[in-house]
Protein backbone atom coordinates (compact mmCIF):
# COMPACT_ATOMS: atom_id res chain seq x y z
CA MET A 1 36.34 -11.15 -4.86
CA LYS A 2 33.04 -9.44 -4.80
CA LEU A 3 29.96 -11.55 -4.25
CA PHE A 4 26.46 -10.94 -5.31
CA ILE A 5 23.76 -12.80 -3.27
CA GLY A 6 20.25 -13.23 -4.39
CA LEU A 7 17.34 -14.57 -2.16
CA ASP A 8 14.25 -16.07 -2.90
CA VAL A 9 12.32 -15.70 0.50
CA SER A 10 9.06 -18.19 1.43
CA LEU A 11 7.61 -18.74 4.87
CA ALA A 12 9.79 -21.50 6.01
CA LYS A 13 13.04 -21.52 4.03
CA ALA A 14 15.04 -19.15 1.65
CA ALA A 15 16.74 -20.37 -1.58
CA ILE A 16 20.14 -18.60 -1.76
CA CYS A 17 22.36 -18.05 -4.84
CA VAL A 18 25.89 -16.63 -4.81
CA LEU A 19 27.31 -14.90 -7.93
CA SER A 20 31.06 -13.84 -8.24
CA GLU A 21 31.51 -10.54 -9.87
CA HIS A 22 32.09 -12.23 -13.17
CA GLY A 23 28.75 -13.59 -13.14
CA LYS A 24 29.86 -17.26 -12.22
CA ILE A 25 27.47 -19.10 -9.60
CA ILE A 26 29.58 -19.75 -6.26
CA ARG A 27 27.08 -21.54 -4.07
CA GLU A 28 23.56 -22.36 -4.12
CA ALA A 29 21.62 -23.56 -1.02
CA GLU A 30 18.73 -23.20 1.36
CA VAL A 31 18.39 -21.76 4.50
CA ALA A 32 15.84 -20.89 7.01
CA SER A 33 14.02 -17.55 6.57
CA ASP A 34 15.46 -15.94 9.75
CA PRO A 35 17.77 -12.97 9.63
CA ASN A 36 20.09 -14.45 11.85
CA ALA A 37 20.42 -17.54 9.69
CA LEU A 38 20.96 -15.66 6.64
CA ALA A 39 23.52 -13.33 7.94
CA GLN A 40 25.69 -16.10 9.57
CA PHE A 41 25.36 -17.83 5.88
CA ALA A 42 26.60 -14.67 4.23
CA LYS A 43 29.34 -13.83 6.46
CA GLY A 44 30.73 -17.58 5.71
CA GLN A 45 31.37 -17.02 2.15
CA PRO A 46 34.57 -16.85 0.31
CA GLY A 47 34.92 -12.92 -0.43
CA ASN A 48 33.41 -9.63 0.05
CA ILE A 49 29.69 -9.30 0.12
CA ALA A 50 29.06 -6.42 -2.45
CA ALA A 51 25.06 -6.69 -1.98
CA ILE A 52 22.25 -8.94 -0.93
CA GLY A 53 19.10 -8.84 -2.91
CA LEU A 54 15.61 -9.92 -2.25
CA GLU A 55 12.19 -9.18 -3.52
CA ALA A 56 10.08 -6.69 -1.58
CA GLY A 57 7.23 -8.43 0.12
CA PRO A 58 5.54 -9.25 3.33
CA LEU A 59 8.36 -11.34 4.73
CA SER A 60 11.35 -9.15 3.21
CA GLN A 61 10.73 -6.12 5.78
CA ARG A 62 12.04 -8.08 8.97
CA LEU A 63 14.82 -9.73 7.06
CA HIS A 64 16.18 -6.72 5.30
CA ARG A 65 16.30 -4.92 8.81
CA GLY A 66 18.14 -7.94 10.27
CA LEU A 67 20.55 -8.17 7.47
CA ALA A 68 21.41 -4.40 8.01
CA GLU A 69 21.77 -4.41 11.53
CA ALA A 70 24.24 -7.45 10.96
CA GLY A 71 26.24 -5.02 8.87
CA LEU A 72 25.31 -6.42 5.23
CA ASP A 73 24.34 -4.11 2.41
CA ALA A 74 20.87 -5.57 1.84
CA VAL A 75 18.58 -4.26 -0.97
CA LEU A 76 14.99 -4.59 -1.34
CA MET A 77 14.11 -5.02 -5.13
CA GLU A 78 10.95 -3.79 -6.81
CA THR A 79 8.44 -6.74 -7.12
CA ARG A 80 6.86 -5.80 -10.46
CA GLN A 81 10.29 -5.51 -12.11
CA VAL A 82 11.52 -8.61 -10.55
CA LYS A 83 8.57 -10.70 -11.45
CA GLY A 84 8.75 -9.32 -15.13
CA ALA A 85 12.52 -10.24 -15.70
CA LEU A 86 12.13 -13.94 -14.04
CA LYS A 87 9.15 -14.53 -16.56
CA ALA A 88 11.80 -14.88 -19.24
CA MET A 89 13.10 -18.39 -17.50
CA PRO A 90 10.95 -21.29 -18.97
CA VAL A 91 11.31 -23.22 -15.60
CA LYS A 92 10.18 -21.43 -12.51
CA THR A 93 11.73 -22.89 -9.18
CA ASP A 94 13.01 -21.21 -6.34
CA ARG A 95 16.63 -22.03 -6.92
CA ARG A 96 16.29 -20.37 -10.55
CA ASP A 97 14.27 -17.42 -8.82
CA ALA A 98 17.16 -17.00 -6.39
CA GLU A 99 19.90 -17.16 -9.30
CA GLY A 100 17.69 -14.70 -11.08
CA ILE A 101 17.41 -12.13 -8.28
CA ALA A 102 21.15 -12.51 -8.05
CA ARG A 103 21.67 -11.79 -11.61
CA LEU A 104 19.69 -8.65 -11.60
CA LEU A 105 21.40 -7.45 -8.46
CA HIS A 106 24.97 -8.13 -10.33
CA LEU A 107 23.79 -6.30 -13.53
CA GLY A 108 22.15 -3.46 -11.39
CA TRP A 109 19.12 -3.95 -13.49
CA PHE A 110 16.45 -3.13 -10.54
CA ARG A 111 14.72 -0.40 -8.86
CA PRO A 112 15.40 -0.35 -4.80
CA VAL A 113 12.27 -0.20 -2.66
CA HIS A 114 12.46 1.95 0.83
CA CYS A 115 12.41 -0.31 3.72
CA LYS A 116 9.73 0.92 6.09
CA SER A 117 10.43 1.95 9.59
CA VAL A 118 9.21 -0.20 12.41
CA SER A 119 6.62 2.73 13.21
CA ALA A 120 5.41 2.86 9.76
CA GLN A 121 4.64 -0.88 9.87
CA ASP A 122 2.77 -0.55 13.18
CA ILE A 123 0.63 2.11 11.80
CA ARG A 124 -0.28 0.03 8.58
CA ALA A 125 -0.94 -3.04 10.68
CA LEU A 126 -3.72 -0.84 12.66
CA LEU A 127 -4.90 0.48 9.05
CA SER A 128 -5.22 -3.04 7.84
CA ALA A 129 -6.83 -4.50 11.06
CA ARG A 130 -9.28 -1.53 10.68
CA LYS A 131 -9.80 -2.37 6.93
CA ALA A 132 -10.23 -6.03 7.46
CA VAL A 133 -13.16 -5.60 10.07
CA GLN A 134 -14.80 -2.86 7.99
CA GLN A 135 -14.91 -5.40 4.89
CA ALA A 136 -16.04 -8.13 7.24
CA VAL A 137 -18.90 -5.86 8.45
CA ILE A 138 -19.84 -5.02 4.65
CA ALA A 139 -19.72 -8.46 3.65
CA LEU A 140 -22.05 -9.58 6.53
CA GLU A 141 -24.32 -6.88 5.70
CA MET A 142 -24.38 -7.85 1.72
CA SER A 143 -25.11 -11.31 2.63
CA LEU A 144 -28.23 -10.88 4.88
CA ARG A 145 -29.59 -8.69 2.00
CA GLY A 146 -29.14 -11.70 -0.54
CA LEU A 147 -30.50 -13.93 1.93
CA LEU A 148 -33.67 -12.20 2.37
CA ARG A 149 -33.77 -11.25 -1.33
CA ASN A 150 -34.47 -14.93 -2.04
CA PHE A 151 -37.81 -14.65 0.11
CA GLY A 152 -38.84 -11.04 -1.71
CA LEU A 153 -37.81 -9.21 1.38
CA LYS A 154 -36.03 -6.07 0.32
CA VAL A 155 -34.21 -4.11 3.04
CA GLY A 156 -33.60 -1.07 1.04
CA ALA A 157 -31.77 2.13 1.60
CA ILE A 158 -31.27 2.31 5.48
CA SER A 159 -28.91 3.88 7.95
CA ARG A 160 -26.18 1.50 9.63
CA ASP A 161 -27.84 2.06 12.93
CA ARG A 162 -31.03 0.81 11.76
CA PHE A 163 -29.83 -2.03 10.02
CA ASP A 164 -30.40 -4.56 12.80
CA ALA A 165 -33.77 -3.56 13.31
CA ARG A 166 -35.08 -3.41 10.08
CA ILE A 167 -33.67 -7.17 9.45
CA ARG A 168 -35.54 -8.41 12.56
CA GLU A 169 -38.66 -6.43 11.40
CA LEU A 170 -38.76 -8.36 8.14
CA ILE A 171 -37.75 -11.84 9.53
CA CYS A 172 -40.52 -11.61 12.20
CA GLY A 173 -42.60 -14.83 12.33
CA ASN A 174 -40.36 -16.96 10.12
CA CYS A 175 -38.76 -19.18 12.71
CA LEU A 176 -36.03 -20.44 10.19
CA LEU A 177 -34.90 -17.08 9.21
CA GLU A 178 -34.67 -16.22 12.80
CA ALA A 179 -32.50 -19.13 13.62
CA GLY A 180 -30.27 -18.53 10.60
CA VAL A 181 -30.08 -14.78 10.63
CA GLY A 182 -29.86 -14.16 14.37
CA PRO A 183 -26.28 -15.32 14.79
CA MET A 184 -25.19 -13.34 11.65
CA LEU A 185 -26.62 -10.24 13.41
CA SER A 186 -24.92 -10.94 16.57
CA ALA A 187 -21.71 -11.17 14.61
CA ARG A 188 -22.33 -7.69 12.85
CA ALA A 189 -22.94 -6.15 16.30
CA SER A 190 -19.71 -7.56 17.67
CA LEU A 191 -17.80 -6.58 14.47
CA ARG A 192 -19.13 -3.06 14.53
CA ARG A 193 -18.27 -2.75 18.10
CA GLU A 194 -14.74 -3.82 17.38
CA LEU A 195 -14.62 -1.35 14.44
CA ALA A 196 -15.76 1.42 16.56
CA GLY A 197 -12.75 0.64 18.91
CA LEU A 198 -10.20 0.52 15.96
CA GLU A 199 -11.73 3.94 14.49
CA GLN A 200 -11.16 5.46 18.17
CA GLN A 201 -7.50 4.17 18.14
CA VAL A 202 -7.05 5.61 14.51
CA ARG A 203 -8.35 9.16 15.20
CA GLN A 204 -6.46 9.14 18.59
CA LEU A 205 -3.04 8.23 16.89
CA ALA A 206 -3.53 10.84 14.32
CA LYS A 207 -4.29 13.28 16.89
CA ASP A 208 -1.42 12.64 19.06
CA ASP A 209 1.12 12.88 15.65
CA PRO A 210 2.29 16.08 14.75
CA VAL A 211 2.94 15.33 11.18
CA CYS A 212 -0.60 13.89 10.72
CA ARG A 213 -2.06 17.02 12.55
CA LEU A 214 -0.13 19.06 9.75
CA LEU A 215 -1.60 16.96 6.89
CA MET A 216 -5.01 17.30 8.20
CA THR A 217 -5.17 20.90 7.68
CA MET A 218 -5.77 19.82 4.10
CA PRO A 219 -9.69 19.64 3.29
CA GLY A 220 -10.57 16.26 2.74
CA VAL A 221 -7.67 14.85 4.52
CA GLY A 222 -8.83 12.78 7.50
CA ALA A 223 -7.16 10.77 10.18
CA VAL A 224 -7.11 7.61 7.82
CA VAL A 225 -5.87 9.37 4.98
CA ALA A 226 -3.06 11.17 6.86
CA LEU A 227 -1.96 7.85 8.45
CA THR A 228 -2.09 6.22 5.21
CA PHE A 229 0.05 8.79 3.55
CA LYS A 230 2.54 9.18 6.51
CA SER A 231 3.05 5.29 7.10
CA ALA A 232 3.54 4.83 2.99
CA VAL A 233 6.05 7.68 2.66
CA ASP A 234 7.71 7.21 6.02
CA ASP A 235 10.66 9.43 4.93
CA PRO A 236 9.94 12.59 3.08
CA ALA A 237 13.55 13.49 2.40
CA ARG A 238 14.02 10.12 0.27
CA PHE A 239 12.27 12.21 -2.64
CA THR A 240 14.42 14.84 -3.96
CA SER A 241 11.38 16.40 -5.23
CA SER A 242 7.95 16.93 -4.32
CA LYS A 243 6.80 16.12 -7.92
CA LYS A 244 8.33 12.83 -7.79
CA VAL A 245 5.53 11.59 -5.21
CA GLY A 246 2.90 11.39 -7.80
CA PRO A 247 4.44 8.83 -10.05
CA TRP A 248 5.79 6.99 -7.16
CA ALA A 249 2.01 6.48 -6.15
CA GLY A 250 1.19 5.19 -9.59
CA LEU A 251 -1.30 8.14 -10.48
CA THR A 252 0.51 9.23 -13.62
CA PRO A 253 -0.56 8.03 -17.24
CA SER A 254 1.17 5.02 -18.55
CA ARG A 255 2.99 5.28 -21.81
CA GLN A 256 3.71 2.46 -24.61
CA GLN A 257 6.00 3.71 -27.22
CA SER A 258 7.63 1.76 -30.24
CA GLY A 259 8.40 2.89 -34.04
CA GLU A 260 5.55 5.28 -34.98
CA SER A 261 3.03 3.73 -32.08
CA ASP A 262 2.85 6.31 -28.96
CA ILE A 263 -0.01 5.01 -26.99
CA ILE A 264 -0.74 7.23 -23.58
CA GLY A 265 -3.07 4.90 -21.38
CA GLY A 266 -4.44 4.79 -17.93
CA ILE A 267 -2.59 5.53 -14.62
CA THR A 268 0.26 3.07 -13.99
CA LYS A 269 -1.05 1.71 -10.88
CA ALA A 270 2.59 1.13 -9.51
CA GLY A 271 3.36 1.35 -5.88
CA ASP A 272 0.89 1.07 -2.67
CA ILE A 273 -2.86 0.35 -3.42
CA GLY A 274 -3.97 1.56 -0.29
CA LEU A 275 -2.28 4.84 -0.83
CA ARG A 276 -3.61 5.38 -3.93
CA ARG A 277 -7.29 4.61 -2.73
CA ALA A 278 -6.87 6.91 0.10
CA LEU A 279 -5.43 9.96 -2.36
CA CYS A 280 -8.56 9.28 -4.60
CA GLN A 281 -11.18 9.20 -1.61
CA ALA A 282 -9.52 12.55 -0.53
CA ALA A 283 -9.84 13.89 -3.78
CA THR A 284 -13.58 12.88 -4.15
CA VAL A 285 -14.38 14.55 -0.96
CA MET A 286 -12.46 17.83 -1.80
CA LEU A 287 -13.91 17.85 -5.20
CA HIS A 288 -17.66 17.67 -4.23
CA ARG A 289 -17.90 18.40 -0.40
CA GLY A 290 -14.49 20.21 0.29
CA ARG A 291 -14.09 23.94 1.27
CA ALA A 292 -13.20 26.52 -1.16
CA SER A 293 -9.60 26.41 -1.93
CA TRP A 294 -7.09 26.97 -5.11
CA LEU A 295 -6.81 23.34 -5.12
CA ARG A 296 -10.48 22.68 -5.52
CA THR A 297 -10.59 25.67 -7.93
CA TRP A 298 -8.04 24.11 -9.95
CA ALA A 299 -9.93 20.40 -9.95
CA ALA A 300 -12.87 22.09 -10.98
CA ARG A 301 -11.43 23.70 -13.97
CA VAL A 302 -9.77 20.27 -14.94
CA ALA A 303 -13.21 18.74 -14.31
CA LYS A 304 -14.99 21.13 -16.72
CA ARG A 305 -12.22 20.51 -19.40
CA ARG A 306 -11.52 16.59 -18.98
CA GLY A 307 -14.61 15.09 -16.93
CA ASN A 308 -14.69 14.29 -13.42
CA LYS A 309 -13.00 11.10 -13.27
CA ARG A 310 -9.73 12.40 -14.81
CA ALA A 311 -10.11 15.62 -12.63
CA MET A 312 -10.31 13.13 -9.37
CA VAL A 313 -6.91 11.30 -10.63
CA ALA A 314 -5.52 14.52 -11.22
CA LEU A 315 -6.21 15.97 -8.03
CA ALA A 316 -5.31 12.92 -6.11
CA ARG A 317 -1.83 13.22 -7.72
CA ARG A 318 -1.35 16.90 -6.76
CA ILE A 319 -2.76 16.07 -3.18
CA ALA A 320 0.11 13.83 -2.76
CA VAL A 321 2.46 16.29 -3.96
CA VAL A 322 1.33 19.18 -1.74
CA LEU A 323 1.16 16.87 1.22
CA HIS A 324 4.61 15.89 0.54
CA ARG A 325 5.52 19.88 0.33
CA MET A 326 3.82 20.49 3.50
CA TRP A 327 5.71 17.72 5.48
CA ARG A 328 9.03 18.97 4.28
CA ASP A 329 8.21 22.43 5.07
CA GLY A 330 6.34 21.72 8.33
CA ALA A 331 3.78 24.24 7.08
CA ASN A 332 0.08 24.21 7.32
CA PHE A 333 -2.39 24.04 4.04
CA ARG A 334 -3.04 27.34 2.98
CA PRO A 335 -6.50 27.54 0.86
CA ASP A 336 -5.52 30.83 -0.85
CA VAL A 337 -1.80 30.23 -1.90
CA ALA A 338 -0.45 27.30 -3.69
CA PRO A 339 3.01 26.12 -2.14
CA PRO A 340 6.08 26.16 -4.50
CA MET A 341 6.91 22.75 -5.94
CA ALA A 342 10.48 21.72 -5.95
């Protein structure tokens, strides 16, 4: 008897539902969210495990890897599709979610998600840490500007290196402001030192990686964009065609068709939001400050015909496609020749 197991994972426990090949519930249980405990439970079931499904998320990568190492066929299921299917249930509990995931697995109505390698997750952790510290610095600066604005003190447009001196100049002579703002400036200085260290690690990591060095031969693609693309794609061979990278990154128009109604909307925004932002940043740099190339010329023609925003999105999508082709072929970016897109 074939069995299909659905897992609804939380931080402490995972709700489990075991379905037979005929869709009958064989067993429901709760097990600790640990790969060994889940593997032991699965192997103790009376039948052959056809597949184990769990929703893609922060906890699922480790569990998927542990189940695969135990010799079990584990599948990561796309979050957006699973949530859309589970919305049909009038009552939402962990037990019902596990049953819903098991039934999606049994019917085959799901889209599998690639489980990233350990090296890709390490890169993403470093990039996430850099982003978090960077956002903390920006939040502190905006808070300081807001505090001083209440007293009619305007910081104005100023470089980050002169920001501290400008703030101290404005609050000079006000003891209470100096007492309140001083610790914030000290925290900002400490965060900036840590951010500089993380930036150096990111640049060094990209410099030491042959794939990132290859990707950075394209104008507008720096260390952060190259590392983000490499960690998101992880394995270029999982795309049978480079043209599939654009839709996977959520950079293609959405479409809603029903009867005589056929609406083409904005981009789908599916997939990795961090990758999408990095590609849009690279497209903006290339479009406005990049070196001359066939790709920039193409984007300039699109901008003239459709506007800068659409051109930026179209260029971001094409950058993703070209970067994947470069990675597959092991070829540097050539500004004068467009690569064949297979």
